[in-house]
């Protein structure tokens, strides 16, 4: 556990509670360099969230430049946990600003226009 990483994560203004909790869980397991190796099952249990919610939060944190993810394949039937790097210095966020953040479409683009009881035509 790194106090430096936990302090960094607590200090960020993240309005989505799922993202904030996943980031805090990563920070809780990170070393002083901001690196941690945490399996998906461990993250799910630590955050009391479904796999899908954790995956979505991780993707959003990565897209925002707050974390970097090194996906590792295991040998045989096993799989190694990903390596997560917290962006303590702001380098990932600077790169996102410099090269642009890809446009992400809404998850459910039609849902905003639907009213209960009406079928879209």
PDB file of N, CA and C in Angstrom:
ATOM      1  N   UNK A   1       0.841  -1.188   0.000  1.00  0.00           N
ATOM      2  CA  UNK A   1       0.000   0.000   0.000  1.00  0.00           C
ATOM      3  C   UNK A   1       0.878   1.240   0.000  1.00  0.00           C
ATOM      4  N   UNK A   2       0.516   2.182  -0.847  1.00  0.00           N
ATOM      5  CA  UNK A   2       1.259   3.421  -0.953  1.00  0.00           C
ATOM      6  C   UNK A   2       0.373   4.589  -0.520  1.00  0.00           C
ATOM      7  N   UNK A   3       0.805   5.285   0.507  1.00  0.00           N
ATOM      8  CA  UNK A   3       0.060   6.464   0.967  1.00  0.00           C
ATOM      9  C   UNK A   3       0.054   7.516  -0.134  1.00  0.00           C
ATOM     10  N   UNK A   4       1.164   7.623  -0.852  1.00  0.00           N
ATOM     11  CA  UNK A   4       1.282   8.583  -1.944  1.00  0.00           C
ATOM     12  C   UNK A   4       0.197   8.333  -3.001  1.00  0.00           C
ATOM     13  N   UNK A   5       0.011   7.075  -3.387  1.00  0.00           N
ATOM     14  CA  UNK A   5      -0.986   6.730  -4.406  1.00  0.00           C
ATOM     15  C   UNK A   5      -2.406   6.928  -3.887  1.00  0.00           C
ATOM     16  N   UNK A   6      -2.643   6.529  -2.662  1.00  0.00           N
ATOM     17  CA  UNK A   6      -3.983   6.697  -2.084  1.00  0.00           C
ATOM     18  C   UNK A   6      -4.346   8.174  -1.963  1.00  0.00           C
ATOM     19  N   UNK A   7      -3.400   8.991  -1.531  1.00  0.00           N
ATOM     20  CA  UNK A   7      -3.633  10.432  -1.414  1.00  0.00           C
ATOM     21  C   UNK A   7      -3.935  11.034  -2.777  1.00  0.00           C
ATOM     22  N   UNK A   8      -3.177  10.604  -3.789  1.00  0.00           N
ATOM     23  CA  UNK A   8      -3.396  11.071  -5.163  1.00  0.00           C
ATOM     24  C   UNK A   8      -4.815  10.733  -5.619  1.00  0.00           C
ATOM     25  N   UNK A   9      -5.222   9.478  -5.422  1.00  0.00           N
ATOM     26  CA  UNK A   9      -6.546   9.036  -5.875  1.00  0.00           C
ATOM     27  C   UNK A   9      -7.667   9.767  -5.136  1.00  0.00           C
ATOM     28  N   UNK A  10      -7.520   9.928  -3.819  1.00  0.00           N
ATOM     29  CA  UNK A  10      -8.548  10.633  -3.046  1.00  0.00           C
ATOM     30  C   UNK A  10      -8.664  12.090  -3.490  1.00  0.00           C
ATOM     31  N   UNK A  11      -7.576  12.684  -3.943  1.00  0.00           N
ATOM     32  CA  UNK A  11      -7.575  14.096  -4.318  1.00  0.00           C
ATOM     33  C   UNK A  11      -8.177  14.403  -5.673  1.00  0.00           C
ATOM     34  N   UNK A  12      -8.447  13.373  -6.475  1.00  0.00           N
ATOM     35  CA  UNK A  12      -9.006  13.599  -7.808  1.00  0.00           C
ATOM     36  C   UNK A  12     -10.516  13.816  -7.740  1.00  0.00           C
ATOM     37  N   UNK A  13     -10.991  14.723  -8.562  1.00  0.00           N
ATOM     38  CA  UNK A  13     -12.434  14.979  -8.639  1.00  0.00           C
ATOM     39  C   UNK A  13     -13.039  14.048  -9.688  1.00  0.00           C
ATOM     40  N   UNK A  14     -13.532  12.910  -9.237  1.00  0.00           N
ATOM     41  CA  UNK A  14     -14.166  11.931 -10.126  1.00  0.00           C
ATOM     42  C   UNK A  14     -15.607  11.790  -9.655  1.00  0.00           C
ATOM     43  N   UNK A  15     -16.539  12.210 -10.496  1.00  0.00           N
ATOM     44  CA  UNK A  15     -17.938  12.243 -10.065  1.00  0.00           C
ATOM     45  C   UNK A  15     -18.598  10.868 -10.062  1.00  0.00           C
ATOM     46  N   UNK A  16     -18.112   9.945 -10.875  1.00  0.00           N
ATOM     47  CA  UNK A  16     -18.709   8.611 -10.942  1.00  0.00           C
ATOM     48  C   UNK A  16     -18.147   7.737  -9.828  1.00  0.00           C
ATOM     49  N   UNK A  17     -19.016   7.244  -8.954  1.00  0.00           N
ATOM     50  CA  UNK A  17     -18.555   6.496  -7.778  1.00  0.00           C
ATOM     51  C   UNK A  17     -17.906   5.163  -8.135  1.00  0.00           C
ATOM     52  N   UNK A  18     -18.342   4.511  -9.195  1.00  0.00           N
ATOM     53  CA  UNK A  18     -17.717   3.246  -9.599  1.00  0.00           C
ATOM     54  C   UNK A  18     -16.270   3.471 -10.021  1.00  0.00           C
ATOM     55  N   UNK A  19     -16.055   4.496 -10.830  1.00  0.00           N
ATOM     56  CA  UNK A  19     -14.687   4.809 -11.270  1.00  0.00           C
ATOM     57  C   UNK A  19     -13.809   5.171 -10.077  1.00  0.00           C
ATOM     58  N   UNK A  20     -14.355   5.985  -9.193  1.00  0.00           N
ATOM     59  CA  UNK A  20     -13.585   6.415  -8.023  1.00  0.00           C
ATOM     60  C   UNK A  20     -13.199   5.217  -7.159  1.00  0.00           C
ATOM     61  N   UNK A  21     -14.138   4.311  -6.909  1.00  0.00           N
ATOM     62  CA  UNK A  21     -13.863   3.158  -6.058  1.00  0.00           C
ATOM     63  C   UNK A  21     -12.844   2.218  -6.695  1.00  0.00           C
ATOM     64  N   UNK A  22     -12.942   1.991  -7.993  1.00  0.00           N
ATOM     65  CA  UNK A  22     -11.960   1.139  -8.681  1.00  0.00           C
ATOM     66  C   UNK A  22     -10.581   1.789  -8.619  1.00  0.00           C
ATOM     67  N   UNK A  23     -10.510   3.094  -8.838  1.00  0.00           N
ATOM     68  CA  UNK A  23      -9.225   3.788  -8.757  1.00  0.00           C
ATOM     69  C   UNK A  23      -8.645   3.706  -7.344  1.00  0.00           C
ATOM     70  N   UNK A  24      -9.479   3.866  -6.338  1.00  0.00           N
ATOM     71  CA  UNK A  24      -9.013   3.757  -4.951  1.00  0.00           C
ATOM     72  C   UNK A  24      -8.529   2.343  -4.636  1.00  0.00           C
ATOM     73  N   UNK A  25      -9.196   1.336  -5.185  1.00  0.00           N
ATOM     74  CA  UNK A  25      -8.766  -0.052  -4.980  1.00  0.00           C
ATOM     75  C   UNK A  25      -7.400  -0.288  -5.612  1.00  0.00           C
ATOM     76  N   UNK A  26      -7.182   0.262  -6.803  1.00  0.00           N
ATOM     77  CA  UNK A  26      -5.872   0.145  -7.450  1.00  0.00           C
ATOM     78  C   UNK A  26      -4.808   0.873  -6.631  1.00  0.00           C
ATOM     79  N   UNK A  27      -5.127   2.080  -6.184  1.00  0.00           N
ATOM     80  CA  UNK A  27      -4.175   2.867  -5.399  1.00  0.00           C
ATOM     81  C   UNK A  27      -3.824   2.171  -4.092  1.00  0.00           C
ATOM     82  N   UNK A  28      -4.799   1.495  -3.509  1.00  0.00           N
ATOM     83  CA  UNK A  28      -4.574   0.780  -2.254  1.00  0.00           C
ATOM     84  C   UNK A  28      -3.570  -0.358  -2.415  1.00  0.00           C
ATOM     85  N   UNK A  29      -3.504  -0.945  -3.594  1.00  0.00           N
ATOM     86  CA  UNK A  29      -2.594  -2.060  -3.841  1.00  0.00           C
ATOM     87  C   UNK A  29      -1.316  -1.643  -4.567  1.00  0.00           C
ATOM     88  N   UNK A  30      -1.189  -0.364  -4.924  1.00  0.00           N
ATOM     89  CA  UNK A  30      -0.050   0.102  -5.718  1.00  0.00           C
ATOM     90  C   UNK A  30       1.198   0.304  -4.867  1.00  0.00           C
ATOM     91  N   UNK A  31       2.357   0.179  -5.536  1.00  0.00           N
ATOM     92  CA  UNK A  31       3.621   0.514  -4.883  1.00  0.00           C
ATOM     93  C   UNK A  31       3.846   2.022  -5.031  1.00  0.00           C
ATOM     94  N   UNK A  32       4.957   2.521  -4.531  1.00  0.00           N
ATOM     95  CA  UNK A  32       5.207   3.971  -4.570  1.00  0.00           C
ATOM     96  C   UNK A  32       5.392   4.516  -5.987  1.00  0.00           C
ATOM     97  N   UNK A  33       5.648   3.631  -6.954  1.00  0.00           N
ATOM     98  CA  UNK A  33       5.766   4.060  -8.349  1.00  0.00           C
ATOM     99  C   UNK A  33       4.415   4.083  -9.051  1.00  0.00           C
ATOM    100  N   UNK A  34       3.365   3.693  -8.334  1.00  0.00           N
ATOM    101  CA  UNK A  34       2.033   3.710  -8.918  1.00  0.00           C
ATOM    102  C   UNK A  34       1.682   2.455  -9.697  1.00  0.00           C
ATOM    103  N   UNK A  35       2.427   1.370  -9.499  1.00  0.00           N
ATOM    104  CA  UNK A  35       2.156   0.123 -10.213  1.00  0.00           C
ATOM    105  C   UNK A  35       1.493  -0.886  -9.295  1.00  0.00           C
ATOM    106  N   UNK A  36       0.542  -1.623  -9.845  1.00  0.00           N
ATOM    107  CA  UNK A  36      -0.061  -2.714  -9.076  1.00  0.00           C
ATOM    108  C   UNK A  36      -0.466  -3.840 -10.015  1.00  0.00           C
ATOM    109  N   UNK A  37      -0.511  -5.025  -9.465  1.00  0.00           N
ATOM    110  CA  UNK A  37      -0.898  -6.230 -10.183  1.00  0.00           C
ATOM    111  C   UNK A  37      -2.111  -6.771  -9.456  1.00  0.00           C
ATOM    112  N   UNK A  38      -3.246  -6.583 -10.038  1.00  0.00           N
ATOM    113  CA  UNK A  38      -4.478  -6.967  -9.364  1.00  0.00           C
ATOM    114  C   UNK A  38      -5.363  -7.698 -10.363  1.00  0.00           C
ATOM    115  N   UNK A  39      -5.746  -8.922 -10.033  1.00  0.00           N
ATOM    116  CA  UNK A  39      -6.613  -9.698 -10.908  1.00  0.00           C
ATOM    117  C   UNK A  39      -8.036  -9.167 -10.893  1.00  0.00           C
ATOM    118  N   UNK A  40      -8.764  -9.504 -11.938  1.00  0.00           N
ATOM    119  CA  UNK A  40     -10.143  -9.030 -12.060  1.00  0.00           C
ATOM    120  C   UNK A  40     -11.006  -9.516 -10.894  1.00  0.00           C
ATOM    121  N   UNK A  41     -10.848 -10.779 -10.501  1.00  0.00           N
ATOM    122  CA  UNK A  41     -11.651 -11.314  -9.389  1.00  0.00           C
ATOM    123  C   UNK A  41     -11.366 -10.547  -8.096  1.00  0.00           C
ATOM    124  N   UNK A  42     -10.110 -10.180  -7.883  1.00  0.00           N
ATOM    125  CA  UNK A  42      -9.753  -9.410  -6.685  1.00  0.00           C
ATOM    126  C   UNK A  42     -10.381  -8.022  -6.714  1.00  0.00           C
ATOM    127  N   UNK A  43     -10.352  -7.382  -7.884  1.00  0.00           N
ATOM    128  CA  UNK A  43     -10.968  -6.055  -8.013  1.00  0.00           C
ATOM    129  C   UNK A  43     -12.480  -6.129  -7.788  1.00  0.00           C
ATOM    130  N   UNK A  44     -13.109  -7.145  -8.360  1.00  0.00           N
ATOM    131  CA  UNK A  44     -14.555  -7.311  -8.176  1.00  0.00           C
ATOM    132  C   UNK A  44     -14.896  -7.447  -6.693  1.00  0.00           C
ATOM    133  N   UNK A  45     -14.144  -8.298  -6.000  1.00  0.00           N
ATOM    134  CA  UNK A  45     -14.412  -8.534  -4.577  1.00  0.00           C
ATOM    135  C   UNK A  45     -14.121  -7.293  -3.744  1.00  0.00           C
ATOM    136  N   UNK A  46     -12.995  -6.644  -4.018  1.00  0.00           N
ATOM    137  CA  UNK A  46     -12.591  -5.471  -3.234  1.00  0.00           C
ATOM    138  C   UNK A  46     -13.608  -4.334  -3.379  1.00  0.00           C
ATOM    139  N   UNK A  47     -14.163  -4.177  -4.589  1.00  0.00           N
ATOM    140  CA  UNK A  47     -15.096  -3.085  -4.860  1.00  0.00           C
ATOM    141  C   UNK A  47     -16.561  -3.486  -4.686  1.00  0.00           C
ATOM    142  N   UNK A  48     -16.817  -4.770  -4.470  1.00  0.00           N
ATOM    143  CA  UNK A  48     -18.202  -5.286  -4.401  1.00  0.00           C
ATOM    144  C   UNK A  48     -18.993  -4.886  -5.639  1.00  0.00           C
ATOM    145  N   UNK A  49     -18.385  -5.116  -6.800  1.00  0.00           N
ATOM    146  CA  UNK A  49     -19.006  -4.764  -8.077  1.00  0.00           C
ATOM    147  C   UNK A  49     -18.984  -5.966  -9.007  1.00  0.00           C
ATOM    148  N   UNK A  50     -19.851  -5.923  -9.997  1.00  0.00           N
ATOM    149  CA  UNK A  50     -19.856  -6.969 -11.011  1.00  0.00           C
ATOM    150  C   UNK A  50     -18.634  -6.803 -11.916  1.00  0.00           C
ATOM    151  N   UNK A  51     -18.279  -7.883 -12.584  1.00  0.00           N
ATOM    152  CA  UNK A  51     -17.153  -7.851 -13.525  1.00  0.00           C
ATOM    153  C   UNK A  51     -17.385  -6.778 -14.587  1.00  0.00           C
ATOM    154  N   UNK A  52     -18.592  -6.707 -15.098  1.00  0.00           N
ATOM    155  CA  UNK A  52     -18.905  -5.743 -16.154  1.00  0.00           C
ATOM    156  C   UNK A  52     -18.702  -4.298 -15.679  1.00  0.00           C
ATOM    157  N   UNK A  53     -19.127  -3.999 -14.462  1.00  0.00           N
ATOM    158  CA  UNK A  53     -18.976  -2.646 -13.919  1.00  0.00           C
ATOM    159  C   UNK A  53     -17.505  -2.306 -13.719  1.00  0.00           C
ATOM    160  N   UNK A  54     -16.719  -3.261 -13.225  1.00  0.00           N
ATOM    161  CA  UNK A  54     -15.285  -3.035 -13.030  1.00  0.00           C
ATOM    162  C   UNK A  54     -14.602  -2.806 -14.374  1.00  0.00           C
ATOM    163  N   UNK A  55     -14.925  -3.628 -15.367  1.00  0.00           N
ATOM    164  CA  UNK A  55     -14.318  -3.483 -16.697  1.00  0.00           C
ATOM    165  C   UNK A  55     -14.658  -2.119 -17.286  1.00  0.00           C
ATOM    166  N   UNK A  56     -15.906  -1.689 -17.147  1.00  0.00           N
ATOM    167  CA  UNK A  56     -16.321  -0.382 -17.666  1.00  0.00           C
ATOM    168  C   UNK A  56     -15.573   0.749 -16.951  1.00  0.00           C
ATOM    169  N   UNK A  57     -15.446   0.646 -15.634  1.00  0.00           N
ATOM    170  CA  UNK A  57     -14.738   1.682 -14.869  1.00  0.00           C
ATOM    171  C   UNK A  57     -13.268   1.737 -15.274  1.00  0.00           C
ATOM    172  N   UNK A  58     -12.635   0.574 -15.437  1.00  0.00           N
ATOM    173  CA  UNK A  58     -11.228   0.537 -15.864  1.00  0.00           C
ATOM    174  C   UNK A  58     -11.062   1.165 -17.246  1.00  0.00           C
ATOM    175  N   UNK A  59     -11.963   0.841 -18.165  1.00  0.00           N
ATOM    176  CA  UNK A  59     -11.890   1.410 -19.514  1.00  0.00           C
ATOM    177  C   UNK A  59     -12.047   2.927 -19.477  1.00  0.00           C
ATOM    178  N   UNK A  60     -12.962   3.413 -18.658  1.00  0.00           N
ATOM    179  CA  UNK A  60     -13.175   4.860 -18.542  1.00  0.00           C
ATOM    180  C   UNK A  60     -11.965   5.554 -17.915  1.00  0.00           C
ATOM    181  N   UNK A  61     -11.370   4.932 -16.894  1.00  0.00           N
ATOM    182  CA  UNK A  61     -10.179   5.504 -16.257  1.00  0.00           C
ATOM    183  C   UNK A  61      -9.005   5.527 -17.230  1.00  0.00           C
ATOM    184  N   UNK A  62      -8.884   4.472 -18.032  1.00  0.00           N
ATOM    185  CA  UNK A  62      -7.810   4.428 -19.026  1.00  0.00           C
ATOM    186  C   UNK A  62      -8.045   5.477 -20.111  1.00  0.00           C
ATOM    187  N   UNK A  63      -9.283   5.603 -20.582  1.00  0.00           N
ATOM    188  CA  UNK A  63      -9.609   6.595 -21.611  1.00  0.00           C
ATOM    189  C   UNK A  63      -9.357   8.017 -21.119  1.00  0.00           C
ATOM    190  N   UNK A  64      -9.557   8.247 -19.830  1.00  0.00           N
ATOM    191  CA  UNK A  64      -9.326   9.575 -19.246  1.00  0.00           C
ATOM    192  C   UNK A  64      -7.846   9.847 -19.004  1.00  0.00           C
ATOM    193  N   UNK A  65      -7.013   8.820 -19.155  1.00  0.00           N
ATOM    194  CA  UNK A  65      -5.580   9.005 -18.938  1.00  0.00           C
ATOM    195  C   UNK A  65      -5.167   8.928 -17.482  1.00  0.00           C
ATOM    196  N   UNK A  66      -6.038   8.446 -16.615  1.00  0.00           N
ATOM    197  CA  UNK A  66      -5.692   8.349 -15.194  1.00  0.00           C
ATOM    198  C   UNK A  66      -4.916   7.081 -14.873  1.00  0.00           C
ATOM    199  N   UNK A  67      -5.081   6.050 -15.703  1.00  0.00           N
ATOM    200  CA  UNK A  67      -4.315   4.814 -15.530  1.00  0.00           C
ATOM    201  C   UNK A  67      -3.816   4.333 -16.886  1.00  0.00           C
ATOM    202  N   UNK A  68      -2.739   3.575 -16.839  1.00  0.00           N
ATOM    203  CA  UNK A  68      -2.262   2.843 -18.001  1.00  0.00           C
ATOM    204  C   UNK A  68      -2.415   1.369 -17.686  1.00  0.00           C
ATOM    205  N   UNK A  69      -2.685   0.560 -18.698  1.00  0.00           N
ATOM    206  CA  UNK A  69      -2.910  -0.866 -18.479  1.00  0.00           C
ATOM    207  C   UNK A  69      -1.994  -1.664 -19.387  1.00  0.00           C
ATOM    208  N   UNK A  70      -1.244  -2.572 -18.783  1.00  0.00           N
ATOM    209  CA  UNK A  70      -0.432  -3.521 -19.546  1.00  0.00           C
ATOM    210  C   UNK A  70      -1.125  -4.870 -19.443  1.00  0.00           C
ATOM    211  N   UNK A  71      -1.693  -5.308 -20.558  1.00  0.00           N
ATOM    212  CA  UNK A  71      -2.409  -6.583 -20.577  1.00  0.00           C
ATOM    213  C   UNK A  71      -1.419  -7.710 -20.824  1.00  0.00           C
ATOM    214  N   UNK A  72      -1.424  -8.686 -19.928  1.00  0.00           N
ATOM    215  CA  UNK A  72      -0.444  -9.774 -20.017  1.00  0.00           C
ATOM    216  C   UNK A  72      -1.150 -11.114 -20.224  1.00  0.00           C
ATOM    217  N   UNK A  73      -0.605 -11.883 -21.145  1.00  0.00           N
ATOM    218  CA  UNK A  73      -1.127 -13.233 -21.384  1.00  0.00           C
ATOM    219  C   UNK A  73      -0.313 -14.221 -20.566  1.00  0.00           C
ATOM    220  N   UNK A  74      -0.953 -15.252 -20.091  1.00  0.00           N
ATOM    221  CA  UNK A  74      -0.268 -16.279 -19.307  1.00  0.00           C
ATOM    222  C   UNK A  74       0.205 -17.416 -20.192  1.00  0.00           C
ATOM    223  N   UNK A  75       0.799 -18.410 -19.589  1.00  0.00           N
ATOM    224  CA  UNK A  75       1.263 -19.592 -20.301  1.00  0.00           C
ATOM    225  C   UNK A  75       0.250 -20.700 -20.113  1.00  0.00           C
ATOM    226  N   UNK A  76      -0.014 -21.459 -21.160  1.00  0.00           N
ATOM    227  CA  UNK A  76      -0.971 -22.554 -21.043  1.00  0.00           C
ATOM    228  C   UNK A  76      -2.375 -22.027 -20.849  1.00  0.00           C
ATOM    229  N   UNK A  77      -3.070 -22.584 -19.886  1.00  0.00           N
ATOM    230  CA  UNK A  77      -4.453 -22.164 -19.655  1.00  0.00           C
ATOM    231  C   UNK A  77      -4.555 -21.016 -18.648  1.00  0.00           C
ATOM    232  N   UNK A  78      -3.443 -20.679 -18.004  1.00  0.00           N
ATOM    233  CA  UNK A  78      -3.472 -19.614 -17.007  1.00  0.00           C
ATOM    234  C   UNK A  78      -3.376 -18.241 -17.626  1.00  0.00           C
ATOM    235  N   UNK A  79      -3.645 -17.234 -16.840  1.00  0.00           N
ATOM    236  CA  UNK A  79      -3.564 -15.849 -17.286  1.00  0.00           C
ATOM    237  C   UNK A  79      -2.953 -15.043 -16.165  1.00  0.00           C
ATOM    238  N   UNK A  80      -2.074 -14.154 -16.542  1.00  0.00           N
ATOM    239  CA  UNK A  80      -1.435 -13.282 -15.562  1.00  0.00           C
ATOM    240  C   UNK A  80      -2.295 -12.036 -15.371  1.00  0.00           C
ATOM    241  N   UNK A  81      -2.313 -11.486 -14.164  1.00  0.00           N
ATOM    242  CA  UNK A  81      -3.091 -10.254 -13.964  1.00  0.00           C
ATOM    243  C   UNK A  81      -2.470  -9.089 -14.731  1.00  0.00           C
ATOM    244  N   UNK A  82      -3.312  -8.163 -15.128  1.00  0.00           N
ATOM    245  CA  UNK A  82      -2.820  -6.958 -15.792  1.00  0.00           C
ATOM    246  C   UNK A  82      -1.961  -6.155 -14.829  1.00  0.00           C
ATOM    247  N   UNK A  83      -1.075  -5.347 -15.400  1.00  0.00           N
ATOM    248  CA  UNK A  83      -0.306  -4.391 -14.609  1.00  0.00           C
ATOM    249  C   UNK A  83      -0.971  -3.032 -14.828  1.00  0.00           C
ATOM    250  N   UNK A  84      -1.360  -2.408 -13.745  1.00  0.00           N
ATOM    251  CA  UNK A  84      -1.990  -1.092 -13.806  1.00  0.00           C
ATOM    252  C   UNK A  84      -0.991  -0.061 -13.308  1.00  0.00           C
ATOM    253  N   UNK A  85      -0.883   1.050 -14.040  1.00  0.00           N
ATOM    254  CA  UNK A  85       0.011   2.142 -13.649  1.00  0.00           C
ATOM    255  C   UNK A  85      -0.820   3.404 -13.451  1.00  0.00           C
ATOM    256  N   UNK A  86      -0.760   3.923 -12.252  1.00  0.00           N
ATOM    257  CA  UNK A  86      -1.480   5.157 -11.945  1.00  0.00           C
ATOM    258  C   UNK A  86      -0.696   6.332 -12.505  1.00  0.00           C
ATOM    259  N   UNK A  87      -1.380   7.296 -13.071  1.00  0.00           N
ATOM    260  CA  UNK A  87      -0.730   8.454 -13.689  1.00  0.00           C
ATOM    261  C   UNK A  87      -0.449   9.532 -12.648  1.00  0.00           C
ATOM    262  N   UNK A  88       0.471   9.231 -11.740  1.00  0.00           N
ATOM    263  CA  UNK A  88       0.783  10.144 -10.637  1.00  0.00           C
ATOM    264  C   UNK A  88       1.385  11.460 -11.116  1.00  0.00           C
ATOM    265  N   UNK A  89       2.096  11.433 -12.241  1.00  0.00           N
ATOM    266  CA  UNK A  89       2.794  12.631 -12.722  1.00  0.00           C
ATOM    267  C   UNK A  89       2.009  13.419 -13.758  1.00  0.00           C
ATOM    268  N   UNK A  90       0.923  12.846 -14.262  1.00  0.00           N
ATOM    269  CA  UNK A  90       0.134  13.532 -15.280  1.00  0.00           C
ATOM    270  C   UNK A  90       0.622  13.310 -16.693  1.00  0.00           C
ATOM    271  N   UNK A  91       1.600  12.432 -16.898  1.00  0.00           N
ATOM    272  CA  UNK A  91       2.155  12.203 -18.233  1.00  0.00           C
ATOM    273  C   UNK A  91       1.127  11.613 -19.200  1.00  0.00           C
ATOM    274  N   UNK A  92       0.333  10.654 -18.745  1.00  0.00           N
ATOM    275  CA  UNK A  92      -0.685  10.058 -19.625  1.00  0.00           C
ATOM    276  C   UNK A  92      -1.721  11.095 -20.030  1.00  0.00           C
ATOM    277  N   UNK A  93      -2.101  11.944 -19.079  1.00  0.00           N
ATOM    278  CA  UNK A  93      -3.096  12.969 -19.387  1.00  0.00           C
ATOM    279  C   UNK A  93      -2.534  13.986 -20.372  1.00  0.00           C
ATOM    280  N   UNK A  94      -1.238  14.329 -20.233  1.00  0.00           N
ATOM    281  CA  UNK A  94      -0.604  15.254 -21.182  1.00  0.00           C
ATOM    282  C   UNK A  94      -0.601  14.662 -22.579  1.00  0.00           C
ATOM    283  N   UNK A  95      -0.289  13.372 -22.684  1.00  0.00           N
ATOM    284  CA  UNK A  95      -0.268  12.702 -23.984  1.00  0.00           C
ATOM    285  C   UNK A  95      -1.662  12.675 -24.598  1.00  0.00           C
ATOM    286  N   UNK A  96      -2.681  12.450 -23.789  1.00  0.00           N
ATOM    287  CA  UNK A  96      -4.057  12.445 -24.292  1.00  0.00           C
ATOM    288  C   UNK A  96      -4.418  13.816 -24.862  1.00  0.00           C
ATOM    289  N   UNK A  97      -4.000  14.889 -24.160  1.00  0.00           N
ATOM    290  CA  UNK A  97      -4.289  16.244 -24.647  1.00  0.00           C
ATOM    291  C   UNK A  97      -3.508  16.535 -25.923  1.00  0.00           C
ATOM    292  N   UNK A  98      -2.255  16.078 -25.982  1.00  0.00           N
ATOM    293  CA  UNK A  98      -1.407  16.371 -27.129  1.00  0.00           C
ATOM    294  C   UNK A  98      -1.891  15.643 -28.378  1.00  0.00           C
ATOM    295  N   UNK A  99      -2.220  14.382 -28.243  1.00  0.00           N
ATOM    296  CA  UNK A  99      -2.595  13.577 -29.399  1.00  0.00           C
ATOM    297  C   UNK A  99      -4.100  13.453 -29.577  1.00  0.00           C
ATOM    298  N   UNK A 100      -4.835  13.995 -28.649  1.00  0.00           N
ATOM    299  CA  UNK A 100      -6.291  13.959 -28.744  1.00  0.00           C
ATOM    300  C   UNK A 100      -6.875  12.693 -28.155  1.00  0.00           C
ATOM    301  N   UNK A 101      -7.991  12.848 -27.547  1.00  0.00           N
ATOM    302  CA  UNK A 101      -8.711  11.711 -26.991  1.00  0.00           C
ATOM    303  C   UNK A 101      -9.715  11.251 -28.027  1.00  0.00           C
ATOM    304  N   UNK A 102      -9.771   9.952 -28.309  1.00  0.00           N
ATOM    305  CA  UNK A 102     -10.732   9.486 -29.304  1.00  0.00           C
ATOM    306  C   UNK A 102     -12.164   9.762 -28.859  1.00  0.00           C
ATOM    307  N   UNK A 103     -13.000  10.078 -29.817  1.00  0.00           N
ATOM    308  CA  UNK A 103     -14.413  10.309 -29.518  1.00  0.00           C
ATOM    309  C   UNK A 103     -15.059   8.973 -29.174  1.00  0.00           C
ATOM    310  N   UNK A 104     -15.724   8.921 -28.067  1.00  0.00           N
ATOM    311  CA  UNK A 104     -16.390   7.697 -27.632  1.00  0.00           C
ATOM    312  C   UNK A 104     -17.890   7.906 -27.762  1.00  0.00           C
ATOM    313  N   UNK A 105     -18.559   7.051 -28.558  1.00  0.00           N
ATOM    314  CA  UNK A 105     -20.003   7.228 -28.699  1.00  0.00           C
ATOM    315  C   UNK A 105     -20.714   6.871 -27.405  1.00  0.00           C
ATOM    316  N   UNK A 106     -21.916   7.390 -27.197  1.00  0.00           N
ATOM    317  CA  UNK A 106     -22.662   7.025 -25.998  1.00  0.00           C
ATOM    318  C   UNK A 106     -22.901   5.520 -25.970  1.00  0.00           C
ATOM    319  N   UNK A 107     -22.970   4.954 -24.775  1.00  0.00           N
ATOM    320  CA  UNK A 107     -23.154   3.503 -24.648  1.00  0.00           C
ATOM    321  C   UNK A 107     -24.505   3.059 -25.203  1.00  0.00           C
ATOM    322  N   UNK A 108     -25.524   3.862 -25.033  1.00  0.00           N
ATOM    323  CA  UNK A 108     -26.867   3.530 -25.507  1.00  0.00           C
ATOM    324  C   UNK A 108     -27.420   4.758 -26.229  1.00  0.00           C
ATOM    325  N   UNK A 109     -26.999   4.980 -27.478  1.00  0.00           N
ATOM    326  CA  UNK A 109     -27.339   6.236 -28.145  1.00  0.00           C
ATOM    327  C   UNK A 109     -28.838   6.490 -28.296  1.00  0.00           C
ATOM    328  N   UNK A 110     -29.655   5.453 -28.415  1.00  0.00           N
ATOM    329  CA  UNK A 110     -31.081   5.680 -28.626  1.00  0.00           C
ATOM    330  C   UNK A 110     -31.855   5.824 -27.323  1.00  0.00           C
ATOM    331  N   UNK A 111     -31.260   5.447 -26.220  1.00  0.00           N
ATOM    332  CA  UNK A 111     -32.008   5.411 -24.963  1.00  0.00           C
ATOM    333  C   UNK A 111     -32.509   6.783 -24.519  1.00  0.00           C
ATOM    334  N   UNK A 112     -31.820   7.831 -24.873  1.00  0.00           N
ATOM    335  CA  UNK A 112     -32.224   9.165 -24.444  1.00  0.00           C
ATOM    336  C   UNK A 112     -33.523   9.604 -25.122  1.00  0.00           C
ATOM    337  N   UNK A 113     -33.839   8.998 -26.271  1.00  0.00           N
ATOM    338  CA  UNK A 113     -35.011   9.408 -27.030  1.00  0.00           C
ATOM    339  C   UNK A 113     -36.218   8.503 -26.823  1.00  0.00           C
ATOM    340  N   UNK A 114     -36.073   7.456 -26.052  1.00  0.00           N
ATOM    341  CA  UNK A 114     -37.175   6.519 -25.866  1.00  0.00           C
ATOM    342  C   UNK A 114     -38.054   6.927 -24.695  1.00  0.00           C
ATOM    343  N   UNK A 115     -39.343   6.734 -24.872  1.00  0.00           N
ATOM    344  CA  UNK A 115     -40.306   6.960 -23.807  1.00  0.00           C
ATOM    345  C   UNK A 115     -40.989   5.634 -23.537  1.00  0.00           C
ATOM    346  N   UNK A 116     -41.237   5.339 -22.281  1.00  0.00           N
ATOM    347  CA  UNK A 116     -41.904   4.082 -21.955  1.00  0.00           C
ATOM    348  C   UNK A 116     -43.227   3.967 -22.693  1.00  0.00           C
ATOM    349  N   UNK A 117     -43.485   2.767 -23.249  1.00  0.00           N
ATOM    350  CA  UNK A 117     -44.749   2.511 -23.919  1.00  0.00           C
ATOM    351  C   UNK A 117     -44.763   2.878 -25.392  1.00  0.00           C
ATOM    352  N   UNK A 118     -43.740   3.546 -25.896  1.00  0.00           N
ATOM    353  CA  UNK A 118     -43.698   3.923 -27.305  1.00  0.00           C
ATOM    354  C   UNK A 118     -42.602   3.135 -28.001  1.00  0.00           C
ATOM    355  N   UNK A 119     -42.873   2.698 -29.198  1.00  0.00           N
ATOM    356  CA  UNK A 119     -41.917   1.935 -29.990  1.00  0.00           C
ATOM    357  C   UNK A 119     -41.330   2.869 -31.030  1.00  0.00           C
ATOM    358  N   UNK A 120     -39.968   2.919 -31.132  1.00  0.00           N
ATOM    359  CA  UNK A 120     -39.369   3.804 -32.129  1.00  0.00           C
ATOM    360  C   UNK A 120     -39.702   3.330 -33.541  1.00  0.00           C
ATOM    361  N   UNK A 121     -39.880   4.276 -34.460  1.00  0.00           N
ATOM    362  CA  UNK A 121     -40.199   3.918 -35.845  1.00  0.00           C
ATOM    363  C   UNK A 121     -39.039   4.171 -36.753  1.00  0.00           C
TER     364      UNK A 121
END
